[in-house]
Protein backbone atom coordinates (compact mmCIF):
# COMPACT_ATOMS: atom_id res chain seq x y z
CA MET A 1 -21.42 -26.63 -24.89
CA ASP A 2 -22.58 -27.24 -28.47
CA ASN A 3 -21.38 -30.19 -30.56
CA GLN A 4 -18.94 -28.18 -32.69
CA LYS A 5 -17.16 -26.85 -29.60
CA ILE A 6 -16.92 -30.39 -28.22
CA ILE A 7 -15.42 -31.61 -31.50
CA ASP A 8 -12.89 -28.76 -31.57
CA GLU A 9 -11.93 -29.39 -27.95
CA VAL A 10 -11.30 -33.13 -28.36
CA MET A 11 -9.55 -32.88 -31.74
CA GLY A 12 -7.35 -29.99 -30.66
CA GLY A 13 -6.00 -31.82 -27.62
CA GLY A 14 -5.19 -35.03 -29.48
CA LEU A 15 -3.49 -33.28 -32.40
CA ARG A 16 -1.38 -31.11 -30.09
CA VAL A 17 0.04 -34.24 -28.48
CA LEU A 18 0.74 -35.92 -31.83
CA ASN A 19 2.40 -32.86 -33.32
CA ARG A 20 4.56 -32.36 -30.23
CA ILE A 21 5.96 -35.87 -30.59
CA ALA A 22 6.33 -35.66 -34.37
CA ASP A 23 8.31 -32.41 -34.08
CA SER A 24 10.86 -33.89 -31.64
CA PRO A 25 14.44 -33.68 -33.04
CA LEU A 26 15.06 -37.27 -32.00
CA VAL A 27 12.22 -38.54 -34.20
CA GLU A 28 14.23 -37.41 -37.24
CA ARG A 29 17.51 -38.64 -35.75
CA LEU A 30 16.07 -42.11 -35.14
CA GLY A 31 14.57 -42.35 -38.64
CA LEU A 32 10.93 -42.29 -37.58
CA GLU A 33 9.73 -39.33 -39.70
CA ALA A 34 7.58 -41.45 -42.02
CA ARG A 35 6.02 -43.27 -39.08
CA ALA A 36 5.36 -40.00 -37.26
CA GLN A 37 3.75 -38.38 -40.31
CA ARG A 38 1.57 -41.41 -40.88
CA LEU A 39 0.42 -41.43 -37.27
CA VAL A 40 -0.37 -37.70 -37.34
CA TYR A 41 -2.59 -38.34 -40.38
CA GLN A 42 -4.20 -41.41 -38.83
CA GLY A 43 -4.49 -39.60 -35.51
CA ALA A 44 -6.36 -36.74 -37.17
CA LYS A 45 -8.89 -39.17 -38.61
CA ARG A 46 -9.26 -40.98 -35.32
CA ALA A 47 -9.51 -37.71 -33.40
CA ALA A 48 -12.38 -36.64 -35.66
CA GLU A 49 -14.19 -39.93 -35.05
CA THR A 50 -13.55 -39.74 -31.31
CA ALA A 51 -14.70 -36.14 -31.17
CA ALA A 52 -17.93 -36.98 -32.98
CA LYS A 53 -18.59 -39.82 -30.54
CA ALA A 54 -17.78 -37.54 -27.60
CA ALA A 55 -20.20 -34.94 -28.88
CA LYS A 56 -22.89 -37.57 -29.21
CA ARG A 57 -22.22 -38.91 -25.70
CA ARG A 58 -22.31 -35.43 -24.19
CA SER A 59 -25.51 -34.39 -25.99
CA PRO A 60 -28.60 -34.23 -23.76
CA LYS A 61 -30.17 -37.67 -23.39
CA ARG A 62 -33.77 -38.26 -24.26
CA SER A 63 -36.03 -39.56 -21.55
CA GLY A 64 -35.91 -43.32 -21.39
CA ASP A 65 -32.32 -43.57 -22.71
CA ARG A 66 -30.17 -46.07 -20.91
CA SER A 67 -27.05 -44.94 -19.10
CA SER A 68 -23.73 -45.47 -20.89
CA LYS A 69 -22.49 -49.04 -21.12
CA PRO A 70 -19.62 -50.21 -18.89
CA ARG A 71 -16.17 -49.68 -20.38
CA LYS A 72 -14.54 -52.75 -21.89
CA PHE A 73 -11.18 -53.96 -20.65
CA ASP A 74 -9.00 -52.91 -23.58
CA LEU A 75 -5.23 -53.40 -23.75
CA ASN A 76 -4.84 -51.79 -27.17
CA LEU A 77 -2.61 -48.72 -27.24
CA SER A 78 -3.76 -45.40 -28.62
CA GLU A 79 -2.01 -43.91 -31.67
CA GLU A 80 -0.15 -41.49 -29.41
CA GLN A 81 1.01 -44.27 -27.10
CA GLN A 82 2.10 -46.42 -30.04
CA LEU A 83 4.16 -43.59 -31.53
CA MET A 84 5.71 -42.92 -28.15
CA ARG A 85 6.49 -46.62 -27.76
CA ASP A 86 8.07 -46.84 -31.24
CA THR A 87 10.23 -43.80 -30.53
CA LEU A 88 11.36 -44.97 -27.10
CA ARG A 89 12.12 -48.50 -28.24
CA ARG A 90 14.24 -47.13 -31.06
CA PHE A 91 15.95 -44.85 -28.54
CA ALA A 92 16.52 -47.83 -26.22
CA ASP A 93 17.83 -50.14 -28.95
CA ASP A 94 19.99 -47.63 -30.84
CA LEU A 95 21.31 -45.39 -28.07
CA MET A 96 20.91 -47.04 -24.69
CA GLN A 97 21.95 -50.63 -25.30
CA PRO A 98 25.25 -49.72 -27.03
CA ALA A 99 26.10 -47.31 -24.18
CA ALA A 100 25.16 -49.67 -21.34
CA ARG A 101 28.49 -51.48 -20.91
CA GLU A 102 30.66 -48.36 -20.77
CA ALA A 103 28.19 -46.60 -18.48
CA ASP A 104 28.17 -49.60 -16.14
CA ASP A 105 31.98 -49.65 -16.03
CA ARG A 106 32.27 -45.94 -15.24
CA SER A 107 29.30 -45.99 -12.80
CA ALA A 108 27.70 -43.00 -14.52
CA PRO A 109 25.66 -42.29 -17.65
CA PRO A 110 27.51 -41.01 -20.73
CA ASP A 111 28.09 -37.27 -20.95
CA ASP A 112 24.97 -35.41 -22.14
CA PHE A 113 22.96 -38.66 -22.23
CA VAL A 114 20.27 -37.39 -19.86
CA ASP A 115 20.06 -34.12 -21.83
CA THR A 116 19.69 -36.12 -25.05
CA PHE A 117 16.74 -37.96 -23.57
CA ALA A 118 15.21 -34.63 -22.55
CA GLU A 119 15.02 -33.77 -26.26
CA LEU A 120 12.28 -36.38 -26.62
CA GLY A 121 10.00 -34.13 -24.62
CA ALA A 122 9.07 -36.79 -22.05
CA ILE A 123 8.83 -34.24 -19.25
CA ALA A 124 6.66 -31.92 -21.35
CA MET A 125 4.36 -34.85 -22.11
CA ALA A 126 4.03 -35.51 -18.37
CA VAL A 127 3.04 -31.93 -17.53
CA PRO A 128 -0.48 -30.67 -18.33
CA GLU A 129 -0.92 -27.73 -20.67
CA GLU A 130 -2.24 -25.50 -17.91
CA MET A 131 1.11 -25.94 -16.10
CA GLY A 132 3.17 -25.14 -19.18
CA GLY A 133 3.58 -28.66 -20.57
CA ALA A 134 2.11 -30.38 -23.60
CA ALA A 135 -0.09 -33.09 -22.09
CA GLU A 136 -3.83 -32.93 -22.65
CA GLN A 137 -4.20 -35.56 -19.95
CA VAL A 138 -1.50 -37.08 -17.74
CA SER A 139 -1.77 -40.86 -17.95
CA ALA A 140 -0.21 -43.36 -15.53
CA VAL A 141 -0.41 -46.04 -18.23
CA SER A 142 1.60 -43.88 -20.65
CA GLN A 143 4.16 -43.17 -17.93
CA MET A 144 4.42 -46.89 -17.20
CA LEU A 145 5.03 -47.58 -20.92
CA ILE A 146 7.88 -45.05 -20.88
CA VAL A 147 9.47 -46.82 -17.91
CA GLU A 148 9.08 -50.27 -19.46
CA ASP A 149 10.51 -49.29 -22.85
CA LEU A 150 13.49 -47.45 -21.38
CA ALA A 151 14.31 -50.40 -19.13
CA ARG A 152 14.48 -52.45 -22.31
CA GLY A 153 17.54 -50.39 -23.27
CA ASP A 154 19.23 -50.47 -19.87
CA MET A 155 17.66 -50.30 -16.43
CA GLY A 156 20.47 -48.20 -14.97
CA LEU A 157 20.34 -45.60 -17.73
CA ALA A 158 16.55 -45.67 -17.56
CA TYR A 159 16.73 -44.91 -13.84
CA ALA A 160 19.04 -41.97 -14.58
CA VAL A 161 16.79 -40.32 -17.18
CA LEU A 162 13.64 -41.03 -15.17
CA ALA A 163 14.94 -39.30 -12.02
CA PRO A 164 14.15 -35.74 -13.22
CA LEU A 165 10.90 -37.00 -14.76
CA SER A 166 9.92 -38.42 -11.36
CA PHE A 167 10.70 -35.05 -9.75
CA ALA A 168 8.46 -33.33 -12.32
CA ASN A 169 5.69 -35.90 -11.80
CA ALA A 170 5.74 -35.21 -8.07
CA LEU A 171 5.35 -31.48 -8.67
CA VAL A 172 2.44 -32.09 -11.06
CA HIS A 173 0.57 -34.50 -8.80
CA TRP A 174 1.26 -33.10 -5.32
CA GLY A 175 3.08 -29.76 -5.56
CA ASP A 176 1.43 -26.43 -4.81
CA ALA A 177 1.17 -23.51 -7.22
CA ASP A 178 4.30 -21.76 -5.90
CA GLN A 179 6.44 -24.90 -6.19
CA ARG A 180 5.25 -25.58 -9.71
CA ALA A 181 5.87 -21.99 -10.78
CA ARG A 182 9.36 -22.05 -9.28
CA LEU A 183 10.62 -25.46 -10.41
CA LEU A 184 8.63 -26.71 -13.41
CA PRO A 185 9.79 -24.10 -15.99
CA SER A 186 13.46 -25.13 -15.76
CA LEU A 187 12.54 -28.82 -16.02
CA LEU A 188 10.42 -28.13 -19.09
CA GLU A 189 13.34 -26.25 -20.64
CA GLY A 190 15.57 -29.32 -20.32
CA ASP A 191 17.14 -28.94 -16.88
CA THR A 192 17.75 -32.51 -15.68
CA THR A 193 19.48 -31.78 -12.37
CA ALA A 194 16.79 -33.13 -10.03
CA SER A 195 16.29 -36.48 -8.34
CA VAL A 196 14.17 -38.35 -5.79
CA ALA A 197 15.53 -39.73 -2.50
CA VAL A 198 13.29 -42.23 -0.71
CA VAL A 199 15.26 -45.47 -0.22
CA GLU A 200 17.32 -45.76 2.97
CA PRO A 201 20.38 -47.94 3.71
CA HIS A 202 19.00 -50.32 6.29
CA PRO A 203 17.47 -53.82 6.12
CA LEU A 204 13.75 -54.31 5.49
CA PHE A 205 13.27 -50.70 4.46
CA ASP A 206 9.62 -49.68 4.26
CA PRO A 207 8.95 -46.40 2.42
CA SER A 208 5.82 -45.84 4.50
CA GLU A 209 8.01 -45.66 7.65
CA PRO A 210 11.19 -43.75 6.75
CA ARG A 211 13.78 -43.32 9.48
CA THR A 212 14.75 -39.94 8.10
CA THR A 213 12.99 -37.37 10.28
CA ALA A 214 11.85 -33.78 9.81
CA LYS A 215 11.41 -32.13 13.21
CA LYS A 216 9.78 -28.75 13.67
CA ARG A 217 12.03 -25.94 14.80
CA GLY A 218 9.98 -22.76 15.01
CA THR A 219 8.52 -22.19 11.56
CA ASP A 220 11.14 -24.41 9.90
CA PHE A 221 11.94 -28.12 9.79
CA VAL A 222 15.26 -29.83 10.49
CA ILE A 223 15.84 -32.98 8.43
CA THR A 224 18.19 -35.72 9.64
CA GLY A 225 18.79 -39.08 7.99
CA GLU A 226 20.42 -40.94 5.11
CA LYS A 227 19.28 -41.91 1.63
CA SER A 228 20.85 -44.45 -0.69
CA MET A 229 20.72 -45.55 -4.34
CA VAL A 230 19.86 -42.01 -5.44
CA ALA A 231 20.20 -41.53 -9.21
CA LEU A 232 22.32 -38.64 -10.54
CA ALA A 233 23.15 -37.81 -6.93
CA GLU A 234 26.40 -35.94 -7.56
CA CYS A 235 25.01 -33.63 -10.25
CA ALA A 236 21.54 -32.99 -8.82
CA LYS A 237 20.63 -29.46 -7.70
CA TRP A 238 17.40 -30.55 -6.04
CA PHE A 239 16.34 -33.63 -4.11
CA LEU A 240 12.83 -34.70 -3.30
CA VAL A 241 13.42 -36.23 0.13
CA ALA A 242 11.01 -38.49 1.99
CA ALA A 243 11.07 -37.76 5.73
CA ASP A 244 8.81 -38.54 8.68
CA ILE A 245 7.30 -35.67 10.64
CA PRO A 246 6.74 -36.90 14.22
CA LYS A 247 3.03 -37.25 15.06
CA THR A 248 2.14 -36.28 11.47
CA GLY A 249 3.59 -38.93 9.19
CA PRO A 250 5.88 -39.07 6.15
CA ARG A 251 5.97 -36.19 3.69
CA PHE A 252 8.15 -35.09 0.79
CA PHE A 253 10.51 -32.12 1.10
CA VAL A 254 12.21 -30.23 -1.72
CA VAL A 255 15.83 -29.90 -0.57
CA ASP A 256 18.54 -27.82 -2.23
CA ALA A 257 21.65 -29.96 -2.79
CA ASP A 258 23.80 -26.99 -1.73
CA ALA A 259 22.00 -26.56 1.60
CA SER A 260 24.11 -26.72 4.74
CA GLY A 261 24.24 -30.29 6.08
CA VAL A 262 23.71 -32.08 2.75
CA GLU A 263 26.56 -34.44 1.91
CA VAL A 264 26.61 -36.50 -1.30
CA THR A 265 29.04 -39.34 -2.02
CA LYS A 266 29.27 -41.87 -4.84
CA GLU A 267 27.70 -45.25 -4.09
CA PRO A 268 28.45 -47.77 -6.86
CA ALA A 269 26.25 -50.80 -6.29
CA MET A 270 25.87 -54.28 -7.72
CA GLY A 271 23.17 -53.14 -10.15
CA LEU A 272 21.97 -49.85 -11.62
CA ARG A 273 25.55 -48.59 -11.64
CA SER A 274 25.04 -46.60 -14.84
CA ALA A 275 22.51 -44.36 -13.05
CA GLY A 276 25.30 -42.51 -11.23
CA LEU A 277 24.15 -43.75 -7.83
CA GLY A 278 24.93 -41.77 -4.72
CA HIS A 279 24.50 -41.73 -0.95
CA VAL A 280 22.85 -38.60 0.46
CA LYS A 281 23.43 -37.75 4.11
CA LEU A 282 21.26 -35.08 5.69
CA ASP A 283 22.73 -33.74 8.90
CA LYS A 284 20.32 -31.29 10.51
CA VAL A 285 19.36 -29.69 7.21
CA ARG A 286 17.10 -26.72 7.91
CA VAL A 287 14.32 -26.06 5.39
CA GLY A 288 11.31 -23.76 5.42
CA ARG A 289 7.69 -24.82 5.53
CA GLU A 290 7.42 -23.91 1.84
CA SER A 291 9.73 -26.86 1.11
CA ILE A 292 7.03 -29.38 2.01
CA LEU A 293 5.68 -30.77 -1.25
CA GLY A 294 2.13 -29.49 -1.44
CA GLY A 295 2.74 -26.76 1.13
CA GLU A 296 0.42 -26.21 4.08
CA THR A 297 -2.29 -28.35 2.50
CA ALA A 298 -0.02 -31.42 2.53
CA LEU A 299 1.20 -30.64 6.05
CA LYS A 300 -2.31 -30.48 7.48
CA ALA A 301 -3.72 -33.39 5.47
CA GLN A 302 -4.78 -36.34 7.55
CA GLY A 303 -3.15 -39.71 6.89
CA GLY A 304 -0.67 -38.59 4.23
CA ALA A 305 -2.78 -39.80 1.29
CA ALA A 306 -0.53 -38.08 -1.26
CA TYR A 307 2.56 -39.79 0.13
CA ASP A 308 0.83 -43.18 0.05
CA GLU A 309 -0.15 -42.55 -3.56
CA ALA A 310 3.47 -41.77 -4.40
CA VAL A 311 4.59 -45.06 -2.85
CA ASN A 312 2.02 -46.94 -4.93
CA ARG A 313 3.21 -45.24 -8.10
CA ALA A 314 6.83 -46.05 -7.28
CA ARG A 315 5.99 -49.70 -6.84
CA ILE A 316 4.26 -49.80 -10.20
CA ALA A 317 7.23 -48.05 -11.80
CA TRP A 318 9.74 -50.58 -10.49
CA GLY A 319 7.45 -53.35 -11.68
CA ALA A 320 7.59 -51.78 -15.14
CA MET A 321 11.39 -51.60 -14.86
CA ALA A 322 11.54 -55.32 -14.10
CA LEU A 323 9.13 -56.02 -16.95
CA GLY A 324 11.16 -54.15 -19.56
CA THR A 325 14.47 -55.76 -18.58
CA SER A 326 12.94 -59.24 -18.34
CA GLN A 327 11.48 -58.87 -21.83
CA VAL A 328 14.79 -57.88 -23.44
CA LEU A 329 16.46 -60.78 -21.61
CA LEU A 330 13.95 -63.20 -23.11
CA ASP A 331 14.31 -61.65 -26.57
CA TYR A 332 18.08 -62.22 -26.33
CA ALA A 333 17.94 -65.74 -24.87
CA ILE A 334 15.61 -67.25 -27.48
CA PRO A 335 17.83 -66.71 -30.58
CA TYR A 336 20.93 -67.59 -28.57
CA CYS A 337 19.47 -70.94 -27.55
CA ASN A 338 18.27 -71.58 -31.11
CA GLU A 339 21.72 -70.92 -32.52
CA ARG A 340 23.91 -72.49 -29.81
CA ILE A 341 24.79 -76.00 -30.98
CA ALA A 342 25.63 -78.74 -28.50
CA PHE A 343 25.86 -82.46 -29.31
CA GLY A 344 24.83 -81.80 -32.89
CA GLU A 345 21.61 -79.82 -32.25
CA PRO A 346 20.46 -76.45 -30.87
CA ILE A 347 20.25 -76.42 -27.09
CA SER A 348 16.64 -75.17 -27.40
CA HIS A 349 15.76 -78.72 -28.52
CA ARG A 350 16.54 -79.89 -24.99
CA GLN A 351 13.38 -80.10 -22.94
CA ALA A 352 14.89 -78.46 -19.86
CA VAL A 353 15.98 -75.42 -21.89
CA ALA A 354 12.65 -75.12 -23.72
CA PHE A 355 10.69 -75.36 -20.47
CA MET A 356 12.88 -72.71 -18.82
CA ILE A 357 12.29 -70.29 -21.70
CA ALA A 358 8.56 -71.02 -21.61
CA ASP A 359 8.47 -70.36 -17.85
CA ILE A 360 10.19 -67.00 -18.33
CA ALA A 361 7.64 -66.02 -21.00
CA ILE A 362 4.74 -67.04 -18.75
CA GLU A 363 6.08 -65.06 -15.79
CA ILE A 364 6.62 -61.98 -17.97
CA GLU A 365 2.99 -62.08 -19.09
CA SER A 366 1.79 -62.35 -15.49
CA MET A 367 4.03 -59.42 -14.53
CA ARG A 368 2.70 -57.41 -17.44
CA MET A 369 -0.94 -57.96 -16.47
CA LEU A 370 -0.39 -56.90 -12.86
CA VAL A 371 1.64 -53.80 -13.79
CA TYR A 372 -0.81 -52.69 -16.48
CA ARG A 373 -3.79 -53.30 -14.24
CA ALA A 374 -2.35 -51.28 -11.36
CA ALA A 375 -1.49 -48.34 -13.65
CA SER A 376 -4.92 -48.43 -15.31
CA ARG A 377 -6.63 -48.16 -11.92
CA ILE A 378 -4.79 -44.88 -11.30
CA ASP A 379 -6.11 -43.50 -14.60
CA ALA A 380 -9.60 -44.68 -13.68
CA GLY A 381 -9.42 -42.86 -10.33
CA LEU A 382 -9.63 -46.10 -8.35
CA ALA A 383 -7.69 -47.24 -5.30
CA CYS A 384 -4.60 -49.21 -6.31
CA GLN A 385 -2.68 -49.94 -3.11
CA ARG A 386 -3.44 -53.66 -3.26
CA GLU A 387 -2.71 -53.92 -6.99
CA ALA A 388 0.53 -51.90 -6.68
CA TYR A 389 1.77 -54.09 -3.85
CA LEU A 390 0.91 -57.27 -5.75
CA ALA A 391 2.73 -55.96 -8.83
CA ARG A 392 5.81 -55.13 -6.78
CA THR A 393 5.82 -58.45 -4.92
CA LEU A 394 5.48 -60.54 -8.07
CA CYS A 395 7.89 -58.47 -10.16
CA SER A 396 10.64 -58.33 -7.55
CA ASP A 397 10.46 -62.08 -6.92
CA LYS A 398 10.19 -63.14 -10.54
CA ALA A 399 12.81 -60.63 -11.70
CA MET A 400 15.44 -62.36 -9.58
CA GLN A 401 14.39 -65.76 -10.89
CA ILE A 402 14.36 -64.60 -14.51
CA GLY A 403 17.83 -63.08 -14.10
CA THR A 404 19.15 -66.33 -12.65
CA ASP A 405 17.54 -68.40 -15.40
CA GLY A 406 18.94 -66.08 -18.07
CA VAL A 407 22.48 -66.66 -16.85
CA GLN A 408 21.76 -70.40 -16.67
CA LEU A 409 20.53 -70.50 -20.26
CA LEU A 410 23.78 -68.99 -21.53
CA GLY A 411 25.90 -71.16 -19.29
CA GLY A 412 29.47 -69.87 -18.99
CA ALA A 413 28.69 -67.15 -21.54
CA GLY A 414 26.14 -65.69 -19.14
CA PHE A 415 28.87 -65.10 -16.57
CA ILE A 416 31.23 -63.02 -18.70
CA LYS A 417 31.07 -59.52 -20.15
CA ASP A 418 30.97 -60.67 -23.77
CA HIS A 419 27.18 -60.83 -23.38
CA PRO A 420 24.82 -58.36 -21.64
CA MET A 421 23.21 -61.13 -19.57
CA GLU A 422 25.32 -60.48 -16.50
CA ILE A 423 24.29 -56.81 -16.50
CA TRP A 424 20.63 -57.76 -16.77
CA TYR A 425 21.08 -60.24 -13.93
CA ARG A 426 22.49 -57.53 -11.67
CA HIS A 427 19.79 -55.04 -12.64
CA LEU A 428 16.99 -57.52 -12.00
CA ARG A 429 18.42 -58.38 -8.59
CA SER A 430 18.25 -54.69 -7.63
CA VAL A 431 14.46 -54.45 -8.09
CA ALA A 432 13.88 -56.16 -4.74
CA VAL A 433 15.67 -53.42 -2.78
CA MET A 434 14.33 -50.43 -4.72
CA ASP A 435 11.04 -49.51 -3.04
CA GLY A 436 10.80 -45.84 -3.91
CA ASN A 437 12.97 -43.25 -5.75
CA LEU A 438 10.90 -43.55 -8.93
CA LEU A 439 7.47 -41.98 -9.39
CA LEU A 440 5.18 -42.59 -12.36
């Protein structure tokens, strides 16, 4: 491929992504037109520079040239990621936070809220162009940023809007051609009636050993079990169900919500109430072999590598959820403690209060490093089981502590509904029991 073709290829992909975001109706609604236009211009310049460098890198090397230098560890966001982050944070601050209290009280997201989020094009940006989406390259880091920024608005609402995105991600990463052709088009057109069902209602649940089973019956499978804490359960048309095939291992099945034996009931919980949580009972639900995510290839694969990868991604995603909510808690607690006067001075002047705030900030940074590192290893094509587990372990433990400290910093005000602290406390407590149901 000559240099001009390389330049056209790299520039075209980057500009398609930028223009897709800039053209989103919500960019105008949230007042980000000037920012979007500026980033398209800056992105064009940067794309040209990047393309020129790519062409140079891909040109034939002269004898004696050294191999390319190792990549530097760089936490800077690309222009596309920064625009996405600006848009999502504005969406979280302006639309999600004001709706969080009412949604929590009614145990469901506001009407049309999930469809409004779909207007941002998040699903299209998660689906490669060759599958009908708008993504030049699907990035786990970008997906993690989406999760983190939405959790900043409200973790429950974030869980609701991310349920169909998780379903789409699963199709992209592990679905076969027939499943993608059948299900992806409606998701890309804004259909948000899909969810993921992995978590089960029993103590010490381990997603790698689900008790829900899928037993062979002729050419079909019969699924029996229960799933809990499923987002948008009552309105979902499709569930991605994790079930264990005896002597084969766990796999995902695409299950029609209207199938015989599927029973869905509301399941309001302590946290994440605004996600419209539900309990899904599967009583001898018969599905065909084509319902196995990935088809015959996934069924015959040794060790269930795709399923293990999904578990790792879910753990990173819930770490990002904890990170986003912990950050907004800290951002709320600092000005409150600076403005709350006790005994003639702000309570932040008290050493115990200052140290507690500092500890929260330190823990958030440690959470951020583990979550970002685990996601970056996926993009680099490296194993991430260890890093994903470490991120989940730290984030679930520290999320509970940060939630408790947040309530403590506000004192009695942290215990009442006049402040959002009690919602954040309940959300952060839920991270420890959510090991699945959300796929980057």
